[in-house]
PDB file of N, CA and C in Angstrom:
ATOM      1  N   UNK A   1       2.101 -13.937   0.734  1.00  0.00           N
ATOM      2  CA  UNK A   1       2.439 -12.535   0.664  1.00  0.00           C
ATOM      3  C   UNK A   1       1.329 -11.805  -0.104  1.00  0.00           C
ATOM      4  N   UNK A   2       0.918 -10.660   0.395  1.00  0.00           N
ATOM      5  CA  UNK A   2      -0.076  -9.859  -0.308  1.00  0.00           C
ATOM      6  C   UNK A   2       0.595  -9.024  -1.390  1.00  0.00           C
ATOM      7  N   UNK A   3      -0.223  -8.459  -2.262  1.00  0.00           N
ATOM      8  CA  UNK A   3       0.341  -7.593  -3.302  1.00  0.00           C
ATOM      9  C   UNK A   3       1.039  -6.386  -2.671  1.00  0.00           C
ATOM     10  N   UNK A   4       0.438  -5.842  -1.628  1.00  0.00           N
ATOM     11  CA  UNK A   4       1.052  -4.695  -0.947  1.00  0.00           C
ATOM     12  C   UNK A   4       2.415  -5.073  -0.366  1.00  0.00           C
ATOM     13  N   UNK A   5       2.518  -6.270   0.222  1.00  0.00           N
ATOM     14  CA  UNK A   5       3.800  -6.732   0.772  1.00  0.00           C
ATOM     15  C   UNK A   5       4.819  -6.951  -0.340  1.00  0.00           C
ATOM     16  N   UNK A   6       4.367  -7.490  -1.461  1.00  0.00           N
ATOM     17  CA  UNK A   6       5.274  -7.685  -2.594  1.00  0.00           C
ATOM     18  C   UNK A   6       5.766  -6.347  -3.129  1.00  0.00           C
ATOM     19  N   UNK A   7       4.890  -5.362  -3.134  1.00  0.00           N
ATOM     20  CA  UNK A   7       5.268  -4.020  -3.582  1.00  0.00           C
ATOM     21  C   UNK A   7       6.359  -3.445  -2.689  1.00  0.00           C
ATOM     22  N   UNK A   8       6.156  -3.543  -1.380  1.00  0.00           N
ATOM     23  CA  UNK A   8       7.153  -3.050  -0.427  1.00  0.00           C
ATOM     24  C   UNK A   8       8.477  -3.771  -0.631  1.00  0.00           C
ATOM     25  N   UNK A   9       8.429  -5.074  -0.826  1.00  0.00           N
ATOM     26  CA  UNK A   9       9.654  -5.864  -1.010  1.00  0.00           C
ATOM     27  C   UNK A   9      10.388  -5.444  -2.290  1.00  0.00           C
ATOM     28  N   UNK A  10       9.645  -5.218  -3.377  1.00  0.00           N
ATOM     29  CA  UNK A  10      10.271  -4.798  -4.631  1.00  0.00           C
ATOM     30  C   UNK A  10      10.906  -3.415  -4.498  1.00  0.00           C
ATOM     31  N   UNK A  11      10.215  -2.495  -3.840  1.00  0.00           N
ATOM     32  CA  UNK A  11      10.749  -1.143  -3.644  1.00  0.00           C
ATOM     33  C   UNK A  11      11.988  -1.184  -2.751  1.00  0.00           C
ATOM     34  N   UNK A  12      11.939  -1.989  -1.689  1.00  0.00           N
ATOM     35  CA  UNK A  12      13.103  -2.124  -0.805  1.00  0.00           C
ATOM     36  C   UNK A  12      14.297  -2.707  -1.556  1.00  0.00           C
ATOM     37  N   UNK A  13      14.053  -3.720  -2.379  1.00  0.00           N
ATOM     38  CA  UNK A  13      15.118  -4.318  -3.189  1.00  0.00           C
ATOM     39  C   UNK A  13      15.785  -3.246  -4.045  1.00  0.00           C
ATOM     40  N   UNK A  14      14.949  -2.445  -4.736  1.00  0.00           N
ATOM     41  CA  UNK A  14      15.469  -1.382  -5.598  1.00  0.00           C
ATOM     42  C   UNK A  14      16.237  -0.344  -4.788  1.00  0.00           C
ATOM     43  N   UNK A  15      15.660   0.089  -3.679  1.00  0.00           N
ATOM     44  CA  UNK A  15      16.266   1.159  -2.891  1.00  0.00           C
ATOM     45  C   UNK A  15      17.594   0.755  -2.263  1.00  0.00           C
ATOM     46  N   UNK A  16      17.725  -0.510  -1.829  1.00  0.00           N
ATOM     47  CA  UNK A  16      18.990  -0.973  -1.249  1.00  0.00           C
ATOM     48  C   UNK A  16      20.125  -0.897  -2.257  1.00  0.00           C
ATOM     49  N   UNK A  17      19.805  -0.954  -3.523  1.00  0.00           N
ATOM     50  CA  UNK A  17      20.810  -0.915  -4.592  1.00  0.00           C
ATOM     51  C   UNK A  17      20.948   0.470  -5.212  1.00  0.00           C
ATOM     52  N   UNK A  18      20.203   1.432  -4.693  1.00  0.00           N
ATOM     53  CA  UNK A  18      20.223   2.812  -5.189  1.00  0.00           C
ATOM     54  C   UNK A  18      19.909   2.888  -6.683  1.00  0.00           C
ATOM     55  N   UNK A  19      18.926   2.100  -7.102  1.00  0.00           N
ATOM     56  CA  UNK A  19      18.541   2.078  -8.516  1.00  0.00           C
ATOM     57  C   UNK A  19      17.428   3.058  -8.859  1.00  0.00           C
ATOM     58  N   UNK A  20      16.789   3.645  -7.858  1.00  0.00           N
ATOM     59  CA  UNK A  20      15.691   4.580  -8.135  1.00  0.00           C
ATOM     60  C   UNK A  20      16.164   5.729  -9.021  1.00  0.00           C
ATOM     61  N   UNK A  21      17.441   6.087  -8.913  1.00  0.00           N
ATOM     62  CA  UNK A  21      17.980   7.169  -9.732  1.00  0.00           C
ATOM     63  C   UNK A  21      17.892   6.878 -11.230  1.00  0.00           C
ATOM     64  N   UNK A  22      17.777   5.616 -11.587  1.00  0.00           N
ATOM     65  CA  UNK A  22      17.681   5.229 -12.994  1.00  0.00           C
ATOM     66  C   UNK A  22      16.239   4.990 -13.433  1.00  0.00           C
ATOM     67  N   UNK A  23      15.317   5.041 -12.489  1.00  0.00           N
ATOM     68  CA  UNK A  23      13.938   4.639 -12.745  1.00  0.00           C
ATOM     69  C   UNK A  23      13.024   5.823 -13.035  1.00  0.00           C
ATOM     70  N   UNK A  24      13.277   6.485 -14.148  1.00  0.00           N
ATOM     71  CA  UNK A  24      12.374   7.543 -14.590  1.00  0.00           C
ATOM     72  C   UNK A  24      11.233   6.897 -15.377  1.00  0.00           C
ATOM     73  N   UNK A  25      10.093   7.575 -15.461  1.00  0.00           N
ATOM     74  CA  UNK A  25       8.934   6.958 -16.122  1.00  0.00           C
ATOM     75  C   UNK A  25       9.196   6.467 -17.548  1.00  0.00           C
ATOM     76  N   UNK A  26       9.936   7.207 -18.342  1.00  0.00           N
ATOM     77  CA  UNK A  26      10.199   6.790 -19.721  1.00  0.00           C
ATOM     78  C   UNK A  26      10.969   5.474 -19.763  1.00  0.00           C
ATOM     79  N   UNK A  27      12.048   5.393 -19.016  1.00  0.00           N
ATOM     80  CA  UNK A  27      12.861   4.182 -19.042  1.00  0.00           C
ATOM     81  C   UNK A  27      12.129   2.990 -18.417  1.00  0.00           C
ATOM     82  N   UNK A  28      11.318   3.255 -17.407  1.00  0.00           N
ATOM     83  CA  UNK A  28      10.532   2.172 -16.818  1.00  0.00           C
ATOM     84  C   UNK A  28       9.477   1.658 -17.788  1.00  0.00           C
ATOM     85  N   UNK A  29       8.840   2.570 -18.530  1.00  0.00           N
ATOM     86  CA  UNK A  29       7.851   2.144 -19.533  1.00  0.00           C
ATOM     87  C   UNK A  29       8.524   1.319 -20.623  1.00  0.00           C
ATOM     88  N   UNK A  30       9.713   1.713 -21.021  1.00  0.00           N
ATOM     89  CA  UNK A  30      10.466   0.940 -22.021  1.00  0.00           C
ATOM     90  C   UNK A  30      10.798  -0.440 -21.457  1.00  0.00           C
ATOM     91  N   UNK A  31      11.316  -0.487 -20.242  1.00  0.00           N
ATOM     92  CA  UNK A  31      11.691  -1.761 -19.623  1.00  0.00           C
ATOM     93  C   UNK A  31      10.481  -2.663 -19.438  1.00  0.00           C
ATOM     94  N   UNK A  32       9.355  -2.079 -19.052  1.00  0.00           N
ATOM     95  CA  UNK A  32       8.120  -2.851 -18.903  1.00  0.00           C
ATOM     96  C   UNK A  32       7.739  -3.512 -20.216  1.00  0.00           C
ATOM     97  N   UNK A  33       7.836  -2.776 -21.296  1.00  0.00           N
ATOM     98  CA  UNK A  33       7.493  -3.335 -22.600  1.00  0.00           C
ATOM     99  C   UNK A  33       8.495  -4.375 -23.068  1.00  0.00           C
ATOM    100  N   UNK A  34       9.757  -4.188 -22.758  1.00  0.00           N
ATOM    101  CA  UNK A  34      10.763  -5.194 -23.114  1.00  0.00           C
ATOM    102  C   UNK A  34      10.508  -6.499 -22.369  1.00  0.00           C
ATOM    103  N   UNK A  35      10.162  -6.396 -21.081  1.00  0.00           N
ATOM    104  CA  UNK A  35       9.853  -7.604 -20.312  1.00  0.00           C
ATOM    105  C   UNK A  35       8.581  -8.259 -20.824  1.00  0.00           C
ATOM    106  N   UNK A  36       7.588  -7.459 -21.203  1.00  0.00           N
ATOM    107  CA  UNK A  36       6.356  -8.018 -21.769  1.00  0.00           C
ATOM    108  C   UNK A  36       6.658  -8.740 -23.078  1.00  0.00           C
ATOM    109  N   UNK A  37       7.595  -8.214 -23.859  1.00  0.00           N
ATOM    110  CA  UNK A  37       7.993  -8.883 -25.097  1.00  0.00           C
ATOM    111  C   UNK A  37       8.683 -10.215 -24.792  1.00  0.00           C
ATOM    112  N   UNK A  38       9.465 -10.267 -23.727  1.00  0.00           N
ATOM    113  CA  UNK A  38      10.100 -11.528 -23.341  1.00  0.00           C
ATOM    114  C   UNK A  38       9.043 -12.552 -22.911  1.00  0.00           C
ATOM    115  N   UNK A  39       8.001 -12.096 -22.247  1.00  0.00           N
ATOM    116  CA  UNK A  39       6.894 -12.988 -21.909  1.00  0.00           C
ATOM    117  C   UNK A  39       6.238 -13.502 -23.188  1.00  0.00           C
ATOM    118  N   UNK A  40       6.047 -12.632 -24.130  1.00  0.00           N
ATOM    119  CA  UNK A  40       5.430 -13.009 -25.403  1.00  0.00           C
ATOM    120  C   UNK A  40       6.281 -14.028 -26.160  1.00  0.00           C
ATOM    121  N   UNK A  41       7.600 -13.925 -26.020  1.00  0.00           N
ATOM    122  CA  UNK A  41       8.488 -14.889 -26.682  1.00  0.00           C
ATOM    123  C   UNK A  41       8.213 -16.324 -26.252  1.00  0.00           C
ATOM    124  N   UNK A  42       7.741 -16.489 -25.027  1.00  0.00           N
ATOM    125  CA  UNK A  42       7.437 -17.841 -24.546  1.00  0.00           C
ATOM    126  C   UNK A  42       6.304 -18.481 -25.346  1.00  0.00           C
ATOM    127  N   UNK A  43       5.518 -17.661 -26.016  1.00  0.00           N
ATOM    128  CA  UNK A  43       4.404 -18.164 -26.819  1.00  0.00           C
ATOM    129  C   UNK A  43       4.722 -18.229 -28.308  1.00  0.00           C
ATOM    130  N   UNK A  44       5.814 -17.593 -28.720  1.00  0.00           N
ATOM    131  CA  UNK A  44       6.156 -17.536 -30.137  1.00  0.00           C
ATOM    132  C   UNK A  44       6.375 -18.929 -30.709  1.00  0.00           C
ATOM    133  N   UNK A  45       5.820 -19.147 -31.885  1.00  0.00           N
ATOM    134  CA  UNK A  45       5.945 -20.394 -32.642  1.00  0.00           C
ATOM    135  C   UNK A  45       5.319 -21.578 -31.931  1.00  0.00           C
ATOM    136  N   UNK A  46       4.389 -21.294 -31.033  1.00  0.00           N
ATOM    137  CA  UNK A  46       3.798 -22.390 -30.279  1.00  0.00           C
ATOM    138  C   UNK A  46       2.653 -23.065 -31.020  1.00  0.00           C
ATOM    139  N   UNK A  47       2.149 -22.421 -32.055  1.00  0.00           N
ATOM    140  CA  UNK A  47       1.016 -22.999 -32.765  1.00  0.00           C
ATOM    141  C   UNK A  47      -0.254 -22.872 -31.946  1.00  0.00           C
ATOM    142  N   UNK A  48      -1.264 -23.539 -32.380  1.00  0.00           N
ATOM    143  CA  UNK A  48      -2.564 -23.434 -31.722  1.00  0.00           C
ATOM    144  C   UNK A  48      -2.579 -24.141 -30.374  1.00  0.00           C
ATOM    145  N   UNK A  49      -1.804 -25.190 -30.228  1.00  0.00           N
ATOM    146  CA  UNK A  49      -1.795 -25.972 -28.992  1.00  0.00           C
ATOM    147  C   UNK A  49      -0.509 -25.692 -28.218  1.00  0.00           C
ATOM    148  N   UNK A  50      -0.554 -24.731 -27.340  1.00  0.00           N
ATOM    149  CA  UNK A  50       0.625 -24.373 -26.556  1.00  0.00           C
ATOM    150  C   UNK A  50       0.791 -25.335 -25.391  1.00  0.00           C
ATOM    151  N   UNK A  51       1.973 -25.880 -25.282  1.00  0.00           N
ATOM    152  CA  UNK A  51       2.309 -26.713 -24.136  1.00  0.00           C
ATOM    153  C   UNK A  51       2.820 -25.783 -23.036  1.00  0.00           C
ATOM    154  N   UNK A  52       1.912 -25.263 -22.231  1.00  0.00           N
ATOM    155  CA  UNK A  52       2.258 -24.295 -21.200  1.00  0.00           C
ATOM    156  C   UNK A  52       3.232 -24.889 -20.189  1.00  0.00           C
ATOM    157  N   UNK A  53       3.060 -26.150 -19.863  1.00  0.00           N
ATOM    158  CA  UNK A  53       3.894 -26.773 -18.833  1.00  0.00           C
ATOM    159  C   UNK A  53       5.384 -26.667 -19.158  1.00  0.00           C
ATOM    160  N   UNK A  54       5.744 -26.817 -20.430  1.00  0.00           N
ATOM    161  CA  UNK A  54       7.167 -26.791 -20.778  1.00  0.00           C
ATOM    162  C   UNK A  54       7.763 -25.388 -20.702  1.00  0.00           C
ATOM    163  N   UNK A  55       6.933 -24.357 -20.744  1.00  0.00           N
ATOM    164  CA  UNK A  55       7.413 -22.977 -20.685  1.00  0.00           C
ATOM    165  C   UNK A  55       6.984 -22.251 -19.411  1.00  0.00           C
ATOM    166  N   UNK A  56       6.330 -22.948 -18.508  1.00  0.00           N
ATOM    167  CA  UNK A  56       5.725 -22.272 -17.361  1.00  0.00           C
ATOM    168  C   UNK A  56       6.749 -21.551 -16.491  1.00  0.00           C
ATOM    169  N   UNK A  57       7.895 -22.157 -16.216  1.00  0.00           N
ATOM    170  CA  UNK A  57       8.900 -21.503 -15.377  1.00  0.00           C
ATOM    171  C   UNK A  57       9.344 -20.182 -16.003  1.00  0.00           C
ATOM    172  N   UNK A  58       9.555 -20.200 -17.297  1.00  0.00           N
ATOM    173  CA  UNK A  58       9.953 -18.968 -17.994  1.00  0.00           C
ATOM    174  C   UNK A  58       8.839 -17.931 -17.924  1.00  0.00           C
ATOM    175  N   UNK A  59       7.592 -18.387 -18.123  1.00  0.00           N
ATOM    176  CA  UNK A  59       6.444 -17.481 -18.059  1.00  0.00           C
ATOM    177  C   UNK A  59       6.320 -16.850 -16.678  1.00  0.00           C
ATOM    178  N   UNK A  60       6.530 -17.637 -15.645  1.00  0.00           N
ATOM    179  CA  UNK A  60       6.465 -17.129 -14.269  1.00  0.00           C
ATOM    180  C   UNK A  60       7.511 -16.044 -14.071  1.00  0.00           C
ATOM    181  N   UNK A  61       8.744 -16.300 -14.495  1.00  0.00           N
ATOM    182  CA  UNK A  61       9.818 -15.318 -14.347  1.00  0.00           C
ATOM    183  C   UNK A  61       9.524 -14.028 -15.100  1.00  0.00           C
ATOM    184  N   UNK A  62       9.076 -14.164 -16.332  1.00  0.00           N
ATOM    185  CA  UNK A  62       8.822 -12.974 -17.144  1.00  0.00           C
ATOM    186  C   UNK A  62       7.619 -12.196 -16.624  1.00  0.00           C
ATOM    187  N   UNK A  63       6.583 -12.904 -16.190  1.00  0.00           N
ATOM    188  CA  UNK A  63       5.423 -12.218 -15.625  1.00  0.00           C
ATOM    189  C   UNK A  63       5.810 -11.491 -14.335  1.00  0.00           C
ATOM    190  N   UNK A  64       6.686 -12.080 -13.550  1.00  0.00           N
ATOM    191  CA  UNK A  64       7.186 -11.407 -12.345  1.00  0.00           C
ATOM    192  C   UNK A  64       7.950 -10.144 -12.722  1.00  0.00           C
ATOM    193  N   UNK A  65       8.790 -10.220 -13.761  1.00  0.00           N
ATOM    194  CA  UNK A  65       9.518  -9.023 -14.209  1.00  0.00           C
ATOM    195  C   UNK A  65       8.557  -7.920 -14.653  1.00  0.00           C
ATOM    196  N   UNK A  66       7.530  -8.283 -15.402  1.00  0.00           N
ATOM    197  CA  UNK A  66       6.530  -7.312 -15.848  1.00  0.00           C
ATOM    198  C   UNK A  66       5.873  -6.658 -14.632  1.00  0.00           C
ATOM    199  N   UNK A  67       5.497  -7.467 -13.661  1.00  0.00           N
ATOM    200  CA  UNK A  67       4.823  -6.945 -12.474  1.00  0.00           C
ATOM    201  C   UNK A  67       5.740  -6.022 -11.684  1.00  0.00           C
ATOM    202  N   UNK A  68       6.993  -6.403 -11.533  1.00  0.00           N
ATOM    203  CA  UNK A  68       7.948  -5.562 -10.803  1.00  0.00           C
ATOM    204  C   UNK A  68       8.119  -4.224 -11.495  1.00  0.00           C
ATOM    205  N   UNK A  69       8.229  -4.226 -12.824  1.00  0.00           N
ATOM    206  CA  UNK A  69       8.341  -2.948 -13.532  1.00  0.00           C
ATOM    207  C   UNK A  69       7.064  -2.125 -13.420  1.00  0.00           C
ATOM    208  N   UNK A  70       5.908  -2.770 -13.355  1.00  0.00           N
ATOM    209  CA  UNK A  70       4.660  -2.039 -13.105  1.00  0.00           C
ATOM    210  C   UNK A  70       4.712  -1.368 -11.731  1.00  0.00           C
ATOM    211  N   UNK A  71       5.224  -2.084 -10.745  1.00  0.00           N
ATOM    212  CA  UNK A  71       5.355  -1.527  -9.399  1.00  0.00           C
ATOM    213  C   UNK A  71       6.284  -0.315  -9.420  1.00  0.00           C
ATOM    214  N   UNK A  72       7.426  -0.453 -10.087  1.00  0.00           N
ATOM    215  CA  UNK A  72       8.383   0.653 -10.142  1.00  0.00           C
ATOM    216  C   UNK A  72       7.812   1.857 -10.887  1.00  0.00           C
ATOM    217  N   UNK A  73       7.105   1.614 -11.979  1.00  0.00           N
ATOM    218  CA  UNK A  73       6.524   2.712 -12.756  1.00  0.00           C
ATOM    219  C   UNK A  73       5.427   3.403 -11.947  1.00  0.00           C
ATOM    220  N   UNK A  74       4.593   2.626 -11.290  1.00  0.00           N
ATOM    221  CA  UNK A  74       3.548   3.221 -10.453  1.00  0.00           C
ATOM    222  C   UNK A  74       4.172   4.066  -9.347  1.00  0.00           C
ATOM    223  N   UNK A  75       5.254   3.578  -8.757  1.00  0.00           N
ATOM    224  CA  UNK A  75       5.940   4.331  -7.716  1.00  0.00           C
ATOM    225  C   UNK A  75       6.486   5.646  -8.270  1.00  0.00           C
ATOM    226  N   UNK A  76       7.098   5.583  -9.439  1.00  0.00           N
ATOM    227  CA  UNK A  76       7.670   6.795 -10.046  1.00  0.00           C
ATOM    228  C   UNK A  76       6.589   7.819 -10.380  1.00  0.00           C
ATOM    229  N   UNK A  77       5.389   7.346 -10.705  1.00  0.00           N
ATOM    230  CA  UNK A  77       4.289   8.239 -11.082  1.00  0.00           C
ATOM    231  C   UNK A  77       3.369   8.582  -9.916  1.00  0.00           C
ATOM    232  N   UNK A  78       3.633   7.999  -8.740  1.00  0.00           N
ATOM    233  CA  UNK A  78       2.796   8.262  -7.576  1.00  0.00           C
ATOM    234  C   UNK A  78       1.411   7.653  -7.695  1.00  0.00           C
ATOM    235  N   UNK A  79       1.330   6.483  -8.308  1.00  0.00           N
ATOM    236  CA  UNK A  79       0.056   5.802  -8.516  1.00  0.00           C
ATOM    237  C   UNK A  79      -0.040   4.613  -7.573  1.00  0.00           C
ATOM    238  N   UNK A  80      -1.171   4.491  -6.893  1.00  0.00           N
ATOM    239  CA  UNK A  80      -1.451   3.321  -6.075  1.00  0.00           C
ATOM    240  C   UNK A  80      -2.051   2.271  -7.002  1.00  0.00           C
ATOM    241  N   UNK A  81      -1.309   1.206  -7.269  1.00  0.00           N
ATOM    242  CA  UNK A  81      -1.759   0.197  -8.229  1.00  0.00           C
ATOM    243  C   UNK A  81      -3.046  -0.495  -7.808  1.00  0.00           C
ATOM    244  N   UNK A  82      -3.216  -0.763  -6.539  1.00  0.00           N
ATOM    245  CA  UNK A  82      -4.433  -1.417  -6.084  1.00  0.00           C
ATOM    246  C   UNK A  82      -5.632  -0.518  -6.371  1.00  0.00           C
ATOM    247  N   UNK A  83      -5.508   0.781  -6.075  1.00  0.00           N
ATOM    248  CA  UNK A  83      -6.591   1.715  -6.383  1.00  0.00           C
ATOM    249  C   UNK A  83      -6.823   1.806  -7.886  1.00  0.00           C
ATOM    250  N   UNK A  84      -5.740   1.840  -8.661  1.00  0.00           N
ATOM    251  CA  UNK A  84      -5.861   1.944 -10.116  1.00  0.00           C
ATOM    252  C   UNK A  84      -6.600   0.732 -10.685  1.00  0.00           C
ATOM    253  N   UNK A  85      -6.260  -0.463 -10.206  1.00  0.00           N
ATOM    254  CA  UNK A  85      -6.926  -1.677 -10.678  1.00  0.00           C
ATOM    255  C   UNK A  85      -8.399  -1.661 -10.278  1.00  0.00           C
ATOM    256  N   UNK A  86      -8.660  -1.289  -9.044  1.00  0.00           N
ATOM    257  CA  UNK A  86     -10.049  -1.205  -8.585  1.00  0.00           C
ATOM    258  C   UNK A  86     -10.858  -0.240  -9.444  1.00  0.00           C
ATOM    259  N   UNK A  87     -10.295   0.944  -9.693  1.00  0.00           N
ATOM    260  CA  UNK A  87     -10.992   1.949 -10.504  1.00  0.00           C
ATOM    261  C   UNK A  87     -11.244   1.444 -11.918  1.00  0.00           C
ATOM    262  N   UNK A  88     -10.259   0.779 -12.499  1.00  0.00           N
ATOM    263  CA  UNK A  88     -10.416   0.278 -13.862  1.00  0.00           C
ATOM    264  C   UNK A  88     -11.469  -0.815 -13.931  1.00  0.00           C
ATOM    265  N   UNK A  89     -11.523  -1.672 -12.941  1.00  0.00           N
ATOM    266  CA  UNK A  89     -12.554  -2.709 -12.917  1.00  0.00           C
ATOM    267  C   UNK A  89     -13.938  -2.072 -12.821  1.00  0.00           C
ATOM    268  N   UNK A  90     -14.070  -1.035 -12.002  1.00  0.00           N
ATOM    269  CA  UNK A  90     -15.358  -0.337 -11.904  1.00  0.00           C
ATOM    270  C   UNK A  90     -15.768   0.260 -13.248  1.00  0.00           C
ATOM    271  N   UNK A  91     -14.826   0.875 -13.948  1.00  0.00           N
ATOM    272  CA  UNK A  91     -15.105   1.425 -15.285  1.00  0.00           C
ATOM    273  C   UNK A  91     -15.522   0.313 -16.230  1.00  0.00           C
ATOM    274  N   UNK A  92     -14.784  -0.801 -16.200  1.00  0.00           N
ATOM    275  CA  UNK A  92     -15.095  -1.917 -17.101  1.00  0.00           C
ATOM    276  C   UNK A  92     -16.420  -2.594 -16.754  1.00  0.00           C
ATOM    277  N   UNK A  93     -16.793  -2.571 -15.485  1.00  0.00           N
ATOM    278  CA  UNK A  93     -18.103  -3.118 -15.114  1.00  0.00           C
ATOM    279  C   UNK A  93     -19.226  -2.325 -15.777  1.00  0.00           C
ATOM    280  N   UNK A  94     -19.039  -1.020 -15.898  1.00  0.00           N
ATOM    281  CA  UNK A  94     -20.031  -0.187 -16.581  1.00  0.00           C
ATOM    282  C   UNK A  94     -19.979  -0.399 -18.090  1.00  0.00           C
ATOM    283  N   UNK A  95     -18.791  -0.505 -18.625  1.00  0.00           N
ATOM    284  CA  UNK A  95     -18.624  -0.678 -20.076  1.00  0.00           C
ATOM    285  C   UNK A  95     -19.080  -2.050 -20.560  1.00  0.00           C
ATOM    286  N   UNK A  96     -18.875  -3.042 -19.718  1.00  0.00           N
ATOM    287  CA  UNK A  96     -19.161  -4.421 -20.097  1.00  0.00           C
ATOM    288  C   UNK A  96     -20.156  -5.057 -19.135  1.00  0.00           C
ATOM    289  N   UNK A  97     -21.428  -4.636 -19.180  1.00  0.00           N
ATOM    290  CA  UNK A  97     -22.410  -5.267 -18.299  1.00  0.00           C
ATOM    291  C   UNK A  97     -22.555  -6.745 -18.645  1.00  0.00           C
ATOM    292  N   UNK A  98     -22.710  -7.561 -17.630  1.00  0.00           N
ATOM    293  CA  UNK A  98     -22.752  -9.008 -17.810  1.00  0.00           C
ATOM    294  C   UNK A  98     -23.794  -9.412 -18.849  1.00  0.00           C
ATOM    295  N   UNK A  99     -24.975  -8.793 -18.803  1.00  0.00           N
ATOM    296  CA  UNK A  99     -26.039  -9.203 -19.712  1.00  0.00           C
ATOM    297  C   UNK A  99     -25.705  -8.939 -21.178  1.00  0.00           C
ATOM    298  N   UNK A 100     -24.758  -8.024 -21.445  1.00  0.00           N
ATOM    299  CA  UNK A 100     -24.372  -7.748 -22.832  1.00  0.00           C
ATOM    300  C   UNK A 100     -23.027  -8.360 -23.210  1.00  0.00           C
ATOM    301  N   UNK A 101     -22.136  -8.470 -22.247  1.00  0.00           N
ATOM    302  CA  UNK A 101     -20.753  -8.845 -22.558  1.00  0.00           C
ATOM    303  C   UNK A 101     -20.430 -10.319 -22.328  1.00  0.00           C
ATOM    304  N   UNK A 102     -21.242 -11.022 -21.567  1.00  0.00           N
ATOM    305  CA  UNK A 102     -20.922 -12.409 -21.217  1.00  0.00           C
ATOM    306  C   UNK A 102     -20.775 -13.258 -22.484  1.00  0.00           C
ATOM    307  N   UNK A 103     -19.616 -13.887 -22.606  1.00  0.00           N
ATOM    308  CA  UNK A 103     -19.346 -14.763 -23.739  1.00  0.00           C
ATOM    309  C   UNK A 103     -19.003 -14.039 -25.017  1.00  0.00           C
ATOM    310  N   UNK A 104     -18.865 -12.723 -24.974  1.00  0.00           N
ATOM    311  CA  UNK A 104     -18.579 -11.937 -26.172  1.00  0.00           C
ATOM    312  C   UNK A 104     -17.184 -11.327 -26.096  1.00  0.00           C
ATOM    313  N   UNK A 105     -16.504 -11.275 -27.218  1.00  0.00           N
ATOM    314  CA  UNK A 105     -15.186 -10.642 -27.294  1.00  0.00           C
ATOM    315  C   UNK A 105     -15.284  -9.233 -27.884  1.00  0.00           C
ATOM    316  N   UNK A 106     -16.497  -8.735 -28.068  1.00  0.00           N
ATOM    317  CA  UNK A 106     -16.677  -7.412 -28.654  1.00  0.00           C
ATOM    318  C   UNK A 106     -16.204  -6.324 -27.707  1.00  0.00           C
ATOM    319  N   UNK A 107     -15.696  -5.239 -28.310  1.00  0.00           N
ATOM    320  CA  UNK A 107     -15.327  -4.072 -27.540  1.00  0.00           C
ATOM    321  C   UNK A 107     -16.609  -3.400 -27.037  1.00  0.00           C
ATOM    322  N   UNK A 108     -16.496  -2.700 -25.916  1.00  0.00           N
ATOM    323  CA  UNK A 108     -17.684  -2.106 -25.310  1.00  0.00           C
ATOM    324  C   UNK A 108     -18.432  -1.171 -26.257  1.00  0.00           C
ATOM    325  N   UNK A 109     -17.732  -0.550 -27.177  1.00  0.00           N
ATOM    326  CA  UNK A 109     -18.392   0.361 -28.128  1.00  0.00           C
ATOM    327  C   UNK A 109     -19.251  -0.401 -29.122  1.00  0.00           C
ATOM    328  N   UNK A 110     -19.051  -1.722 -29.226  1.00  0.00           N
ATOM    329  CA  UNK A 110     -19.812  -2.538 -30.173  1.00  0.00           C
ATOM    330  C   UNK A 110     -20.872  -3.389 -29.501  1.00  0.00           C
ATOM    331  N   UNK A 111     -21.010  -3.301 -28.197  1.00  0.00           N
ATOM    332  CA  UNK A 111     -22.009  -4.119 -27.503  1.00  0.00           C
ATOM    333  C   UNK A 111     -23.407  -3.531 -27.661  1.00  0.00           C
TER     334      UNK A 111
END
């Protein structure tokens, strides 16, 4: 399934249940952050050596929830996520040229 197909499927799922009426940008942004926090919980108290395999199913579920809420928020705001990601990568390519950024964790303002 492509990302576009997954987007259509998520929107159809929501629309069949008449949930769009509850999906205003503020509440979707809150829900997105709550799901991201649940993803973060999978890493809590893991120490330096995280055993990803034991938490992978949970991580997959939570990452899917985060992505679905991103789809819903983008829909509510009239944003094409594929275009938004493409545009952001283009901006970051300028901010983080390979010759300066490769292997560095510095912010672009410090390169």
